[in-house]
């Protein structure tokens, strides 16, 4: 029995957990995202997408100096 939730591959311009269709295929080719084929549809394991997103480094946002009023 499968434990993960699967969703269909996003259409052009749509995203899954913030990742584009191209990024999903690229990560799947690297073995980091699990894809399943069901007929003509490609299904994405959402847990594997979340694991990829969770593994990303935190963004380092530098504060910008405020202009004098």
N, C-alpha and C. Protein backbone atom coordinates (compact mmCIF):
# COMPACT_ATOMS: atom_id res chain seq x y z
N UNK A 1 0.83 -1.19 0.00
CA UNK A 1 0.00 0.00 0.00
C UNK A 1 0.88 1.25 0.00
N UNK A 2 0.50 2.27 -0.75
CA UNK A 2 1.25 3.52 -0.83
C UNK A 2 0.88 4.39 0.36
N UNK A 3 1.87 5.09 0.89
CA UNK A 3 1.61 5.93 2.05
C UNK A 3 1.49 7.40 1.69
N UNK A 4 2.00 7.80 0.54
CA UNK A 4 2.01 9.21 0.18
C UNK A 4 0.76 9.64 -0.58
N UNK A 5 0.60 10.95 -0.66
CA UNK A 5 -0.49 11.53 -1.45
C UNK A 5 0.08 11.88 -2.82
N UNK A 6 -0.64 11.54 -3.86
CA UNK A 6 -0.20 11.83 -5.22
C UNK A 6 -1.14 12.84 -5.86
N UNK A 7 -0.56 13.78 -6.60
CA UNK A 7 -1.34 14.78 -7.33
C UNK A 7 -0.90 14.76 -8.78
N UNK A 8 -1.77 15.20 -9.70
CA UNK A 8 -1.36 15.23 -11.11
C UNK A 8 -0.28 16.27 -11.37
N UNK A 9 0.51 16.02 -12.40
CA UNK A 9 1.54 16.97 -12.84
C UNK A 9 0.87 18.30 -13.17
N UNK A 10 1.43 19.42 -12.70
CA UNK A 10 0.79 20.71 -12.99
C UNK A 10 0.86 21.05 -14.48
N UNK A 11 -0.13 21.79 -14.92
CA UNK A 11 -0.12 22.28 -16.30
C UNK A 11 0.85 23.44 -16.39
N UNK A 12 1.07 23.90 -17.60
CA UNK A 12 2.00 25.01 -17.82
C UNK A 12 1.61 26.21 -16.97
N UNK A 13 2.54 26.74 -16.21
CA UNK A 13 2.29 27.92 -15.40
C UNK A 13 1.82 27.62 -14.00
N UNK A 14 1.40 26.39 -13.73
CA UNK A 14 0.96 26.02 -12.39
C UNK A 14 2.15 25.48 -11.60
N UNK A 15 1.99 25.37 -10.29
CA UNK A 15 3.06 24.90 -9.42
C UNK A 15 2.53 23.93 -8.38
N UNK A 16 3.41 23.08 -7.89
CA UNK A 16 3.11 22.18 -6.79
C UNK A 16 4.10 22.49 -5.68
N UNK A 17 3.60 22.91 -4.51
CA UNK A 17 4.47 23.28 -3.39
C UNK A 17 5.53 24.30 -3.81
N UNK A 18 5.20 25.17 -4.75
CA UNK A 18 6.11 26.21 -5.19
C UNK A 18 7.06 25.82 -6.31
N UNK A 19 7.04 24.55 -6.75
CA UNK A 19 7.94 24.11 -7.81
C UNK A 19 7.20 24.04 -9.15
N UNK A 20 7.86 24.51 -10.19
CA UNK A 20 7.29 24.47 -11.54
C UNK A 20 7.37 23.06 -12.11
N UNK A 21 6.66 22.85 -13.18
CA UNK A 21 6.68 21.57 -13.89
C UNK A 21 8.11 21.17 -14.29
N UNK A 22 8.87 22.12 -14.82
CA UNK A 22 10.25 21.84 -15.23
C UNK A 22 11.12 21.46 -14.04
N UNK A 23 10.97 22.17 -12.93
CA UNK A 23 11.73 21.85 -11.73
C UNK A 23 11.38 20.47 -11.20
N UNK A 24 10.12 20.10 -11.27
CA UNK A 24 9.69 18.78 -10.81
C UNK A 24 10.35 17.69 -11.65
N UNK A 25 10.33 17.84 -12.97
CA UNK A 25 10.97 16.84 -13.83
C UNK A 25 12.49 16.79 -13.58
N UNK A 26 13.11 17.95 -13.37
CA UNK A 26 14.55 17.99 -13.12
C UNK A 26 14.90 17.28 -11.81
N UNK A 27 14.12 17.53 -10.76
CA UNK A 27 14.35 16.88 -9.48
C UNK A 27 14.04 15.38 -9.55
N UNK A 28 13.05 15.01 -10.33
CA UNK A 28 12.73 13.59 -10.51
C UNK A 28 13.86 12.87 -11.23
N UNK A 29 14.45 13.52 -12.24
CA UNK A 29 15.57 12.92 -12.97
C UNK A 29 16.77 12.71 -12.06
N UNK A 30 16.91 13.58 -11.05
CA UNK A 30 18.00 13.46 -10.08
C UNK A 30 17.67 12.47 -8.97
N UNK A 31 16.44 11.93 -8.99
CA UNK A 31 16.04 10.93 -8.01
C UNK A 31 15.50 11.49 -6.71
N UNK A 32 15.21 12.79 -6.66
CA UNK A 32 14.75 13.41 -5.42
C UNK A 32 13.23 13.51 -5.31
N UNK A 33 12.53 13.41 -6.43
CA UNK A 33 11.06 13.43 -6.44
C UNK A 33 10.57 12.16 -7.10
N UNK A 34 9.52 11.56 -6.51
CA UNK A 34 8.94 10.32 -7.02
C UNK A 34 7.77 10.65 -7.94
N UNK A 35 7.82 10.13 -9.16
CA UNK A 35 6.72 10.26 -10.12
C UNK A 35 6.18 8.88 -10.43
N UNK A 36 4.86 8.80 -10.66
CA UNK A 36 4.21 7.55 -11.06
C UNK A 36 3.43 7.81 -12.33
N UNK A 37 3.37 6.82 -13.17
CA UNK A 37 2.62 6.93 -14.43
C UNK A 37 1.31 6.16 -14.27
N UNK A 38 0.18 6.81 -14.58
CA UNK A 38 -1.13 6.18 -14.53
C UNK A 38 -1.82 6.50 -15.85
N UNK A 39 -1.81 5.55 -16.77
CA UNK A 39 -2.36 5.82 -18.10
C UNK A 39 -1.53 6.89 -18.77
N UNK A 40 -2.18 7.97 -19.19
CA UNK A 40 -1.46 9.08 -19.83
C UNK A 40 -1.07 10.16 -18.83
N UNK A 41 -1.43 9.96 -17.57
CA UNK A 41 -1.16 10.96 -16.55
C UNK A 41 0.13 10.66 -15.79
N UNK A 42 0.79 11.73 -15.36
CA UNK A 42 1.95 11.60 -14.47
C UNK A 42 1.51 12.14 -13.12
N UNK A 43 1.72 11.31 -12.08
CA UNK A 43 1.34 11.69 -10.72
C UNK A 43 2.60 11.96 -9.91
N UNK A 44 2.52 12.94 -9.03
CA UNK A 44 3.66 13.37 -8.23
C UNK A 44 3.42 13.01 -6.77
N UNK A 45 4.42 12.41 -6.13
CA UNK A 45 4.36 12.13 -4.71
C UNK A 45 4.62 13.44 -3.96
N UNK A 46 3.59 13.96 -3.32
CA UNK A 46 3.68 15.27 -2.65
C UNK A 46 4.71 15.24 -1.53
N UNK A 47 4.82 14.14 -0.81
CA UNK A 47 5.80 14.06 0.28
C UNK A 47 7.22 14.21 -0.23
N UNK A 48 7.52 13.65 -1.40
CA UNK A 48 8.87 13.79 -1.94
C UNK A 48 9.14 15.23 -2.38
N UNK A 49 8.10 15.92 -2.86
CA UNK A 49 8.26 17.34 -3.22
C UNK A 49 8.52 18.16 -1.96
N UNK A 50 7.77 17.88 -0.89
CA UNK A 50 7.98 18.60 0.37
C UNK A 50 9.38 18.36 0.92
N UNK A 51 9.88 17.14 0.77
CA UNK A 51 11.23 16.84 1.25
C UNK A 51 12.27 17.66 0.49
N UNK A 52 12.07 17.84 -0.82
CA UNK A 52 12.99 18.65 -1.62
C UNK A 52 12.94 20.10 -1.15
N UNK A 53 11.74 20.62 -0.96
CA UNK A 53 11.58 22.01 -0.53
C UNK A 53 12.16 22.20 0.87
N UNK A 54 11.91 21.25 1.78
CA UNK A 54 12.44 21.35 3.14
C UNK A 54 13.96 21.31 3.17
N UNK A 55 14.58 20.65 2.20
CA UNK A 55 16.04 20.53 2.15
C UNK A 55 16.72 21.78 1.59
N UNK A 56 15.95 22.70 1.03
CA UNK A 56 16.53 23.94 0.49
C UNK A 56 17.09 24.79 1.62
N UNK A 57 18.16 25.54 1.36
CA UNK A 57 18.71 26.40 2.40
C UNK A 57 17.77 27.58 2.68
N UNK A 58 17.88 28.09 3.89
CA UNK A 58 17.09 29.27 4.24
C UNK A 58 17.59 30.46 3.44
N UNK A 59 16.68 31.33 3.08
CA UNK A 59 17.05 32.53 2.33
C UNK A 59 17.71 33.53 3.28
N UNK A 60 18.80 34.10 2.85
CA UNK A 60 19.49 35.11 3.64
C UNK A 60 19.06 36.47 3.11
N UNK A 61 18.18 37.10 3.82
CA UNK A 61 17.67 38.40 3.40
C UNK A 61 18.40 39.47 4.19
N UNK A 62 19.10 40.34 3.48
CA UNK A 62 19.83 41.41 4.13
C UNK A 62 18.92 42.63 4.27
N UNK A 63 18.90 43.24 5.43
CA UNK A 63 18.08 44.44 5.58
C UNK A 63 18.64 45.57 4.73
N UNK A 64 17.77 46.34 4.14
CA UNK A 64 18.21 47.48 3.35
C UNK A 64 18.20 48.72 4.24
N UNK A 65 19.18 49.58 4.08
CA UNK A 65 19.20 50.79 4.89
C UNK A 65 18.00 51.67 4.53
N UNK A 66 17.41 52.22 5.53
CA UNK A 66 16.26 53.10 5.30
C UNK A 66 16.73 54.48 4.89
N UNK A 67 16.02 55.07 3.98
CA UNK A 67 16.36 56.42 3.53
C UNK A 67 15.97 57.43 4.60
N UNK A 68 16.78 58.46 4.75
CA UNK A 68 16.47 59.51 5.74
C UNK A 68 15.25 60.29 5.29
N UNK A 69 14.37 60.55 6.23
CA UNK A 69 13.12 61.23 5.89
C UNK A 69 13.26 62.71 5.84
